[in-house]
Amino acid sequence: MRAPSTESAVVVLVPEAERLVGRFRADLDVAAALGVPAHVTVLAPFVPPALIDDKVITELAAAVGSVGSFEVTFAQVGWFDQSVLWLAPEPAEQFRALTRAVCERFPDYPPYRGEYADVAPHLTIGIDQPVEALESAAIAIEAAPPVTVGVNNAVLMQGSSQPGSWSIVAELPLSP
């Protein structure tokens, strides 16, 4: 039997959102079971893990470091069709700036393999689950107070489709 292939991703972790979305993500987002905490994706998939070396990490850190730290609030749910429930970061522009900076440095790795013309920054709560479960989570989350966080770094993570396999490879500070 072959071992599952590994992938990598550049994300901004949002641990402060876990109190709001953690219980829903545990049931509705497979990424939570893989070991990926609440986050906003900057770029996925990123460079295959076997090709990640000190040079890649240094270049990635420079790209991430070209964007300044910022504050963001998660107050509103959003939907992609009726299959993905997510929290919207406001403002979203700094996340877009991070994605642009990383993509400029690593043009061979477009976001989501280039499947979408526009990549909306978001924190996934649930994906490909019964719409009733997603709607129930949306109602509960909308009734809760918003989450405001300071974003000072991104992380490079890697893992596979095995539960608990994702881990942080490198922390990547934004500029002060």
N, C-alpha and C. Protein backbone atom coordinates (compact mmCIF):
# COMPACT_ATOMS: atom_id res chain seq x y z
N MET A 1 0.83 -1.17 0.00
CA MET A 1 0.00 0.00 0.00
C MET A 1 0.88 1.24 0.00
N ARG A 2 0.55 2.21 -0.88
CA ARG A 2 1.32 3.44 -0.98
C ARG A 2 0.94 4.41 0.13
N ALA A 3 1.94 5.13 0.61
CA ALA A 3 1.67 6.19 1.58
C ALA A 3 0.95 7.33 0.87
N PRO A 4 0.07 8.03 1.58
CA PRO A 4 -0.63 9.14 0.95
C PRO A 4 0.37 10.24 0.57
N SER A 5 0.11 10.90 -0.55
CA SER A 5 1.01 11.97 -0.97
C SER A 5 0.84 13.17 -0.04
N THR A 6 1.91 13.92 0.09
CA THR A 6 1.86 15.10 0.94
C THR A 6 1.76 16.34 0.07
N GLU A 7 1.21 17.37 0.66
CA GLU A 7 1.10 18.67 0.03
C GLU A 7 1.54 19.71 1.05
N SER A 8 1.68 20.93 0.57
CA SER A 8 1.97 22.03 1.48
C SER A 8 1.04 23.19 1.18
N ALA A 9 0.94 24.10 2.14
CA ALA A 9 0.09 25.27 2.00
C ALA A 9 0.66 26.39 2.85
N VAL A 10 0.43 27.61 2.40
CA VAL A 10 0.78 28.80 3.17
C VAL A 10 -0.54 29.35 3.70
N VAL A 11 -0.63 29.49 5.01
CA VAL A 11 -1.88 29.93 5.64
C VAL A 11 -1.59 30.93 6.75
N VAL A 12 -2.62 31.68 7.10
CA VAL A 12 -2.60 32.51 8.30
C VAL A 12 -3.49 31.81 9.31
N LEU A 13 -2.90 31.37 10.40
CA LEU A 13 -3.68 30.72 11.46
C LEU A 13 -4.47 31.76 12.23
N VAL A 14 -5.67 31.39 12.62
CA VAL A 14 -6.55 32.28 13.37
C VAL A 14 -7.04 31.54 14.62
N PRO A 15 -6.14 31.31 15.58
CA PRO A 15 -6.54 30.54 16.76
C PRO A 15 -7.65 31.20 17.56
N GLU A 16 -7.73 32.52 17.49
CA GLU A 16 -8.78 33.24 18.21
C GLU A 16 -10.18 32.88 17.70
N ALA A 17 -10.28 32.38 16.48
CA ALA A 17 -11.57 32.00 15.92
C ALA A 17 -12.01 30.61 16.35
N GLU A 18 -11.11 29.83 16.94
CA GLU A 18 -11.46 28.45 17.32
C GLU A 18 -12.64 28.41 18.29
N ARG A 19 -12.71 29.35 19.21
CA ARG A 19 -13.83 29.34 20.17
C ARG A 19 -15.17 29.52 19.45
N LEU A 20 -15.15 30.22 18.32
CA LEU A 20 -16.37 30.46 17.56
C LEU A 20 -16.68 29.34 16.58
N VAL A 21 -15.66 28.85 15.87
CA VAL A 21 -15.90 27.91 14.77
C VAL A 21 -15.38 26.50 15.02
N GLY A 22 -14.59 26.30 16.05
CA GLY A 22 -13.93 25.01 16.27
C GLY A 22 -14.88 23.83 16.33
N ARG A 23 -15.96 23.95 17.08
CA ARG A 23 -16.89 22.81 17.21
C ARG A 23 -17.58 22.51 15.89
N PHE A 24 -17.81 23.54 15.08
CA PHE A 24 -18.43 23.31 13.78
C PHE A 24 -17.43 22.72 12.79
N ARG A 25 -16.22 23.26 12.78
CA ARG A 25 -15.18 22.73 11.88
C ARG A 25 -14.90 21.27 12.17
N ALA A 26 -14.92 20.88 13.44
CA ALA A 26 -14.65 19.49 13.80
C ALA A 26 -15.61 18.53 13.09
N ASP A 27 -16.84 18.97 12.88
CA ASP A 27 -17.85 18.12 12.23
C ASP A 27 -18.00 18.39 10.74
N LEU A 28 -17.67 19.60 10.30
CA LEU A 28 -18.04 20.03 8.95
C LEU A 28 -16.88 20.29 7.99
N ASP A 29 -15.65 20.32 8.50
CA ASP A 29 -14.50 20.62 7.64
C ASP A 29 -13.43 19.54 7.84
N VAL A 30 -13.20 18.75 6.82
CA VAL A 30 -12.24 17.65 6.91
C VAL A 30 -10.84 18.15 7.25
N ALA A 31 -10.52 19.39 6.88
CA ALA A 31 -9.19 19.92 7.20
C ALA A 31 -8.93 19.94 8.70
N ALA A 32 -9.96 20.16 9.50
CA ALA A 32 -9.79 20.16 10.96
C ALA A 32 -9.29 18.80 11.43
N ALA A 33 -9.86 17.73 10.91
CA ALA A 33 -9.44 16.38 11.30
C ALA A 33 -8.03 16.07 10.82
N LEU A 34 -7.59 16.73 9.76
CA LEU A 34 -6.23 16.51 9.25
C LEU A 34 -5.19 17.23 10.08
N GLY A 35 -5.64 18.11 10.98
CA GLY A 35 -4.71 18.83 11.83
C GLY A 35 -4.50 20.28 11.44
N VAL A 36 -5.36 20.80 10.56
CA VAL A 36 -5.23 22.19 10.13
C VAL A 36 -6.18 23.03 10.99
N PRO A 37 -5.63 23.92 11.83
CA PRO A 37 -6.48 24.77 12.67
C PRO A 37 -7.25 25.79 11.83
N ALA A 38 -8.11 26.56 12.48
CA ALA A 38 -8.82 27.65 11.82
C ALA A 38 -7.79 28.55 11.14
N HIS A 39 -8.06 28.90 9.88
CA HIS A 39 -7.06 29.63 9.09
C HIS A 39 -7.69 30.30 7.89
N VAL A 40 -6.94 31.22 7.31
CA VAL A 40 -7.24 31.78 6.00
C VAL A 40 -6.09 31.34 5.10
N THR A 41 -6.42 30.72 3.99
CA THR A 41 -5.41 30.24 3.06
C THR A 41 -4.81 31.40 2.28
N VAL A 42 -3.48 31.43 2.23
CA VAL A 42 -2.75 32.38 1.40
C VAL A 42 -2.50 31.74 0.04
N LEU A 43 -1.97 30.50 0.06
CA LEU A 43 -1.71 29.79 -1.19
C LEU A 43 -1.69 28.28 -0.94
N ALA A 44 -2.55 27.59 -1.68
CA ALA A 44 -2.60 26.13 -1.60
C ALA A 44 -3.06 25.60 -2.95
N PRO A 45 -2.51 24.51 -3.38
CA PRO A 45 -1.31 23.89 -2.82
C PRO A 45 -0.08 24.73 -3.15
N PHE A 46 0.92 24.60 -2.29
CA PHE A 46 2.19 25.29 -2.46
C PHE A 46 3.19 24.28 -3.02
N VAL A 47 4.45 24.58 -2.95
CA VAL A 47 5.52 23.73 -3.47
C VAL A 47 5.41 22.33 -2.85
N PRO A 48 5.57 21.26 -3.64
CA PRO A 48 5.55 19.92 -3.06
C PRO A 48 6.58 19.79 -1.93
N PRO A 49 6.22 19.17 -0.82
CA PRO A 49 7.12 19.10 0.32
C PRO A 49 8.53 18.58 0.00
N ALA A 50 8.64 17.64 -0.94
CA ALA A 50 9.96 17.10 -1.27
C ALA A 50 10.87 18.16 -1.89
N LEU A 51 10.29 19.25 -2.40
CA LEU A 51 11.08 20.31 -3.03
C LEU A 51 11.30 21.52 -2.12
N ILE A 52 10.74 21.46 -0.92
CA ILE A 52 10.92 22.58 0.01
C ILE A 52 12.27 22.45 0.70
N ASP A 53 13.08 23.48 0.52
CA ASP A 53 14.40 23.53 1.16
C ASP A 53 14.58 24.92 1.76
N ASP A 54 15.79 25.19 2.27
CA ASP A 54 16.06 26.48 2.90
C ASP A 54 15.84 27.65 1.94
N LYS A 55 16.19 27.45 0.67
CA LYS A 55 16.02 28.51 -0.32
C LYS A 55 14.54 28.84 -0.51
N VAL A 56 13.71 27.83 -0.64
CA VAL A 56 12.27 28.04 -0.80
C VAL A 56 11.71 28.77 0.42
N ILE A 57 12.10 28.34 1.61
CA ILE A 57 11.59 28.97 2.83
C ILE A 57 12.08 30.41 2.92
N THR A 58 13.32 30.68 2.56
CA THR A 58 13.85 32.04 2.58
C THR A 58 13.09 32.94 1.61
N GLU A 59 12.83 32.45 0.40
CA GLU A 59 12.09 33.23 -0.59
C GLU A 59 10.64 33.43 -0.15
N LEU A 60 10.05 32.41 0.43
CA LEU A 60 8.68 32.53 0.92
C LEU A 60 8.62 33.55 2.06
N ALA A 61 9.58 33.50 2.96
CA ALA A 61 9.62 34.45 4.07
C ALA A 61 9.76 35.88 3.56
N ALA A 62 10.56 36.08 2.51
CA ALA A 62 10.70 37.41 1.93
C ALA A 62 9.38 37.89 1.33
N ALA A 63 8.68 37.00 0.64
CA ALA A 63 7.39 37.38 0.04
C ALA A 63 6.38 37.75 1.13
N VAL A 64 6.26 36.92 2.15
CA VAL A 64 5.32 37.20 3.23
C VAL A 64 5.74 38.47 3.97
N GLY A 65 7.03 38.64 4.17
CA GLY A 65 7.54 39.81 4.88
C GLY A 65 7.39 41.11 4.13
N SER A 66 7.03 41.04 2.86
CA SER A 66 6.81 42.26 2.08
C SER A 66 5.44 42.89 2.38
N VAL A 67 4.62 42.20 3.16
CA VAL A 67 3.30 42.68 3.53
C VAL A 67 3.32 43.04 5.02
N GLY A 68 2.72 44.16 5.34
CA GLY A 68 2.70 44.61 6.73
C GLY A 68 1.67 43.90 7.58
N SER A 69 1.95 43.84 8.88
CA SER A 69 0.99 43.29 9.84
C SER A 69 -0.30 44.09 9.77
N PHE A 70 -1.40 43.45 10.15
CA PHE A 70 -2.69 44.12 10.06
C PHE A 70 -3.68 43.53 11.05
N GLU A 71 -4.77 44.24 11.24
CA GLU A 71 -5.86 43.76 12.09
C GLU A 71 -7.04 43.41 11.19
N VAL A 72 -7.75 42.36 11.54
CA VAL A 72 -8.88 41.90 10.74
C VAL A 72 -10.00 41.42 11.67
N THR A 73 -11.22 41.59 11.20
CA THR A 73 -12.39 41.15 11.96
C THR A 73 -13.15 40.12 11.14
N PHE A 74 -13.57 39.07 11.82
CA PHE A 74 -14.42 38.02 11.23
C PHE A 74 -15.80 38.17 11.86
N ALA A 75 -16.75 38.72 11.09
CA ALA A 75 -18.07 38.99 11.65
C ALA A 75 -19.21 38.45 10.81
N GLN A 76 -18.94 38.11 9.57
CA GLN A 76 -20.02 37.74 8.66
C GLN A 76 -19.73 36.41 7.98
N VAL A 77 -20.76 35.56 7.90
CA VAL A 77 -20.61 34.31 7.17
C VAL A 77 -20.84 34.55 5.69
N GLY A 78 -20.26 33.68 4.89
CA GLY A 78 -20.45 33.72 3.45
C GLY A 78 -20.60 32.31 2.93
N TRP A 79 -20.99 32.20 1.69
CA TRP A 79 -21.21 30.90 1.06
C TRP A 79 -20.59 30.87 -0.31
N PHE A 80 -20.04 29.73 -0.68
CA PHE A 80 -19.73 29.40 -2.06
C PHE A 80 -20.77 28.36 -2.45
N ASP A 81 -21.69 28.76 -3.32
CA ASP A 81 -22.85 27.93 -3.63
C ASP A 81 -23.53 27.57 -2.31
N GLN A 82 -23.99 26.37 -2.18
CA GLN A 82 -24.55 25.90 -0.91
C GLN A 82 -23.66 24.81 -0.34
N SER A 83 -22.38 24.77 -0.79
CA SER A 83 -21.52 23.68 -0.36
C SER A 83 -20.37 24.09 0.54
N VAL A 84 -20.08 25.38 0.62
CA VAL A 84 -18.98 25.84 1.48
C VAL A 84 -19.46 27.02 2.31
N LEU A 85 -19.38 26.86 3.63
CA LEU A 85 -19.71 27.92 4.58
C LEU A 85 -18.41 28.49 5.11
N TRP A 86 -18.31 29.83 5.17
CA TRP A 86 -17.06 30.44 5.60
C TRP A 86 -17.30 31.76 6.32
N LEU A 87 -16.27 32.21 7.03
CA LEU A 87 -16.26 33.52 7.66
C LEU A 87 -15.45 34.46 6.78
N ALA A 88 -15.99 35.66 6.60
CA ALA A 88 -15.33 36.67 5.77
C ALA A 88 -14.42 37.55 6.62
N PRO A 89 -13.16 37.71 6.22
CA PRO A 89 -12.28 38.65 6.91
C PRO A 89 -12.52 40.06 6.38
N GLU A 90 -12.62 41.03 7.30
CA GLU A 90 -12.76 42.43 6.90
C GLU A 90 -11.71 43.25 7.62
N PRO A 91 -10.90 43.96 6.93
CA PRO A 91 -10.82 44.00 5.47
C PRO A 91 -10.11 42.76 4.94
N ALA A 92 -10.35 42.45 3.67
CA ALA A 92 -9.76 41.26 3.05
C ALA A 92 -8.52 41.60 2.22
N GLU A 93 -8.28 42.87 1.95
CA GLU A 93 -7.22 43.26 1.02
C GLU A 93 -5.84 42.78 1.44
N GLN A 94 -5.51 42.78 2.71
CA GLN A 94 -4.17 42.34 3.12
C GLN A 94 -3.96 40.85 2.84
N PHE A 95 -5.02 40.05 2.94
CA PHE A 95 -4.90 38.64 2.57
C PHE A 95 -4.65 38.52 1.07
N ARG A 96 -5.34 39.34 0.29
CA ARG A 96 -5.10 39.35 -1.16
C ARG A 96 -3.66 39.76 -1.46
N ALA A 97 -3.16 40.75 -0.71
CA ALA A 97 -1.78 41.20 -0.89
C ALA A 97 -0.80 40.08 -0.58
N LEU A 98 -1.06 39.30 0.46
CA LEU A 98 -0.21 38.16 0.79
C LEU A 98 -0.20 37.14 -0.35
N THR A 99 -1.39 36.83 -0.85
CA THR A 99 -1.47 35.86 -1.94
C THR A 99 -0.73 36.37 -3.17
N ARG A 100 -0.91 37.64 -3.52
CA ARG A 100 -0.20 38.21 -4.67
C ARG A 100 1.31 38.14 -4.48
N ALA A 101 1.77 38.50 -3.29
CA ALA A 101 3.22 38.50 -3.02
C ALA A 101 3.81 37.10 -3.15
N VAL A 102 3.13 36.10 -2.62
CA VAL A 102 3.64 34.72 -2.70
C VAL A 102 3.55 34.21 -4.14
N CYS A 103 2.46 34.53 -4.83
CA CYS A 103 2.32 34.09 -6.22
C CYS A 103 3.36 34.73 -7.14
N GLU A 104 3.69 35.99 -6.88
CA GLU A 104 4.72 36.65 -7.69
C GLU A 104 6.06 35.96 -7.52
N ARG A 105 6.36 35.51 -6.31
CA ARG A 105 7.62 34.83 -6.02
C ARG A 105 7.61 33.39 -6.50
N PHE A 106 6.42 32.77 -6.54
CA PHE A 106 6.27 31.35 -6.92
C PHE A 106 5.18 31.22 -7.99
N PRO A 107 5.43 31.72 -9.19
CA PRO A 107 4.37 31.74 -10.22
C PRO A 107 3.93 30.37 -10.72
N ASP A 108 4.71 29.33 -10.46
CA ASP A 108 4.32 27.99 -10.90
C ASP A 108 3.24 27.36 -10.02
N TYR A 109 2.85 28.06 -8.95
CA TYR A 109 1.88 27.52 -8.00
C TYR A 109 0.72 28.49 -7.81
N PRO A 110 -0.20 28.54 -8.78
CA PRO A 110 -1.35 29.44 -8.64
C PRO A 110 -2.30 28.93 -7.55
N PRO A 111 -3.04 29.83 -6.92
CA PRO A 111 -3.98 29.41 -5.88
C PRO A 111 -4.97 28.38 -6.41
N TYR A 112 -5.16 27.33 -5.63
CA TYR A 112 -6.11 26.27 -5.95
C TYR A 112 -5.91 25.75 -7.38
N ARG A 113 -4.64 25.66 -7.75
CA ARG A 113 -4.23 25.16 -9.08
C ARG A 113 -4.85 25.96 -10.22
N GLY A 114 -5.21 27.21 -9.96
CA GLY A 114 -5.77 28.07 -10.99
C GLY A 114 -7.22 27.78 -11.34
N GLU A 115 -7.92 27.06 -10.48
CA GLU A 115 -9.30 26.66 -10.77
C GLU A 115 -10.30 27.81 -10.70
N TYR A 116 -9.95 28.90 -10.00
CA TYR A 116 -10.89 30.00 -9.80
C TYR A 116 -10.29 31.31 -10.28
N ALA A 117 -11.09 32.11 -10.98
CA ALA A 117 -10.61 33.40 -11.49
C ALA A 117 -10.33 34.36 -10.35
N ASP A 118 -11.16 34.34 -9.32
CA ASP A 118 -10.97 35.23 -8.17
C ASP A 118 -10.95 34.37 -6.92
N VAL A 119 -9.94 34.55 -6.12
CA VAL A 119 -9.82 33.79 -4.88
C VAL A 119 -10.21 34.72 -3.73
N ALA A 120 -11.39 34.49 -3.16
CA ALA A 120 -11.88 35.31 -2.05
C ALA A 120 -11.27 34.82 -0.75
N PRO A 121 -10.57 35.68 -0.02
CA PRO A 121 -10.05 35.26 1.29
C PRO A 121 -11.21 34.84 2.20
N HIS A 122 -11.01 33.73 2.90
CA HIS A 122 -12.07 33.21 3.76
C HIS A 122 -11.52 32.22 4.77
N LEU A 123 -12.27 32.03 5.85
CA LEU A 123 -11.97 31.02 6.87
C LEU A 123 -13.07 29.97 6.76
N THR A 124 -12.72 28.81 6.24
CA THR A 124 -13.72 27.76 6.01
C THR A 124 -14.23 27.20 7.33
N ILE A 125 -15.56 27.08 7.39
CA ILE A 125 -16.23 26.47 8.55
C ILE A 125 -16.68 25.06 8.20
N GLY A 126 -17.22 24.91 7.00
CA GLY A 126 -17.69 23.60 6.57
C GLY A 126 -17.71 23.51 5.06
N ILE A 127 -17.49 22.30 4.57
CA ILE A 127 -17.43 22.09 3.13
C ILE A 127 -18.00 20.72 2.78
N ASP A 128 -18.82 20.70 1.74
CA ASP A 128 -19.39 19.45 1.21
C ASP A 128 -20.08 18.61 2.29
N GLN A 129 -20.93 19.29 3.07
CA GLN A 129 -21.71 18.63 4.11
C GLN A 129 -23.18 18.90 3.83
N PRO A 130 -24.09 18.19 4.50
CA PRO A 130 -25.51 18.48 4.29
C PRO A 130 -25.81 19.96 4.55
N VAL A 131 -26.56 20.57 3.65
CA VAL A 131 -26.83 22.01 3.74
C VAL A 131 -27.50 22.37 5.05
N GLU A 132 -28.30 21.47 5.61
CA GLU A 132 -28.96 21.76 6.88
C GLU A 132 -27.93 21.94 7.99
N ALA A 133 -26.89 21.13 8.00
CA ALA A 133 -25.84 21.24 9.02
C ALA A 133 -25.06 22.54 8.84
N LEU A 134 -24.78 22.89 7.60
CA LEU A 134 -24.07 24.14 7.33
C LEU A 134 -24.93 25.34 7.72
N GLU A 135 -26.22 25.30 7.39
CA GLU A 135 -27.12 26.40 7.75
C GLU A 135 -27.25 26.56 9.26
N SER A 136 -27.30 25.46 9.98
CA SER A 136 -27.38 25.50 11.44
C SER A 136 -26.13 26.16 12.02
N ALA A 137 -24.97 25.79 11.49
CA ALA A 137 -23.72 26.42 11.95
C ALA A 137 -23.73 27.91 11.63
N ALA A 138 -24.20 28.28 10.44
CA ALA A 138 -24.24 29.69 10.05
C ALA A 138 -25.09 30.50 11.02
N ILE A 139 -26.24 29.97 11.39
CA ILE A 139 -27.13 30.68 12.31
C ILE A 139 -26.46 30.90 13.66
N ALA A 140 -25.81 29.86 14.18
CA ALA A 140 -25.14 29.97 15.48
C ALA A 140 -23.97 30.96 15.42
N ILE A 141 -23.21 30.93 14.36
CA ILE A 141 -22.05 31.81 14.23
C ILE A 141 -22.48 33.26 14.04
N GLU A 142 -23.52 33.48 13.25
CA GLU A 142 -24.00 34.85 13.04
C GLU A 142 -24.51 35.48 14.33
N ALA A 143 -24.98 34.69 15.27
CA ALA A 143 -25.49 35.20 16.54
C ALA A 143 -24.37 35.53 17.53
N ALA A 144 -23.18 35.09 17.27
CA ALA A 144 -22.05 35.30 18.18
C ALA A 144 -21.35 36.63 17.90
N PRO A 145 -20.63 37.15 18.88
CA PRO A 145 -19.88 38.38 18.64
C PRO A 145 -18.75 38.14 17.63
N PRO A 146 -18.35 39.18 16.90
CA PRO A 146 -17.27 39.02 15.93
C PRO A 146 -15.94 38.74 16.61
N VAL A 147 -15.01 38.23 15.83
CA VAL A 147 -13.65 37.94 16.30
C VAL A 147 -12.71 38.90 15.59
N THR A 148 -11.96 39.68 16.36
CA THR A 148 -10.96 40.59 15.79
C THR A 148 -9.58 40.12 16.22
N VAL A 149 -8.67 40.05 15.26
CA VAL A 149 -7.32 39.54 15.54
C VAL A 149 -6.27 40.41 14.85
N GLY A 150 -5.09 40.39 15.42
CA GLY A 150 -3.93 40.98 14.77
C GLY A 150 -3.21 39.89 14.00
N VAL A 151 -2.91 40.16 12.74
CA VAL A 151 -2.20 39.19 11.91
C VAL A 151 -0.75 39.64 11.78
N ASN A 152 0.15 38.86 12.36
CA ASN A 152 1.57 39.19 12.37
C ASN A 152 2.43 38.18 11.64
N ASN A 153 1.84 37.03 11.29
CA ASN A 153 2.63 36.03 10.56
C ASN A 153 1.73 35.08 9.80
N ALA A 154 2.34 34.39 8.88
CA ALA A 154 1.74 33.27 8.16
C ALA A 154 2.58 32.06 8.52
N VAL A 155 2.13 30.89 8.13
CA VAL A 155 2.91 29.67 8.37
C VAL A 155 2.89 28.82 7.11
N LEU A 156 3.94 28.06 6.94
CA LEU A 156 4.01 27.02 5.92
C LEU A 156 3.68 25.72 6.62
N MET A 157 2.66 25.03 6.11
CA MET A 157 2.26 23.74 6.68
C MET A 157 2.39 22.67 5.61
N GLN A 158 2.53 21.44 6.06
CA GLN A 158 2.48 20.32 5.13
C GLN A 158 1.85 19.13 5.81
N GLY A 159 1.27 18.27 4.97
CA GLY A 159 0.63 17.08 5.49
C GLY A 159 0.00 16.28 4.36
N SER A 160 -0.77 15.29 4.76
CA SER A 160 -1.40 14.40 3.78
C SER A 160 -2.88 14.28 4.11
N SER A 161 -3.52 13.31 3.51
CA SER A 161 -4.94 13.06 3.78
C SER A 161 -5.15 12.20 5.02
N GLN A 162 -4.07 11.92 5.75
CA GLN A 162 -4.17 11.14 6.99
C GLN A 162 -4.57 12.05 8.16
N PRO A 163 -5.46 11.59 9.03
CA PRO A 163 -5.86 12.40 10.18
C PRO A 163 -4.65 12.85 11.00
N GLY A 164 -4.67 14.12 11.39
CA GLY A 164 -3.63 14.68 12.24
C GLY A 164 -2.28 14.84 11.60
N SER A 165 -2.19 14.72 10.28
CA SER A 165 -0.87 14.71 9.62
C SER A 165 -0.30 16.10 9.33
N TRP A 166 -1.10 17.13 9.35
CA TRP A 166 -0.61 18.45 8.98
C TRP A 166 0.12 19.10 10.15
N SER A 167 1.27 19.71 9.84
CA SER A 167 2.07 20.38 10.86
C SER A 167 2.75 21.60 10.25
N ILE A 168 3.20 22.46 11.14
CA ILE A 168 3.89 23.69 10.72
C ILE A 168 5.33 23.37 10.39
N VAL A 169 5.77 23.83 9.22
CA VAL A 169 7.16 23.67 8.77
C VAL A 169 7.96 24.92 9.08
N ALA A 170 7.34 26.10 8.90
CA ALA A 170 8.04 27.36 9.12
C ALA A 170 7.04 28.45 9.47
N GLU A 171 7.46 29.33 10.38
CA GLU A 171 6.69 30.54 10.68
C GLU A 171 7.27 31.67 9.86
N LEU A 172 6.40 32.50 9.31
CA LEU A 172 6.81 33.52 8.34
C LEU A 172 6.25 34.87 8.79
N PRO A 173 7.08 35.71 9.41
CA PRO A 173 6.57 36.99 9.93
C PRO A 173 6.24 37.98 8.81
N LEU A 174 5.18 38.72 9.04
CA LEU A 174 4.87 39.88 8.21
C LEU A 174 5.75 41.03 8.69
N SER A 175 5.88 42.08 7.92
CA SER A 175 6.67 43.22 8.39
C SER A 175 5.88 43.96 9.46
N PRO A 176 6.59 44.58 10.40
CA PRO A 176 5.88 45.28 11.50
C PRO A 176 5.08 46.47 11.00
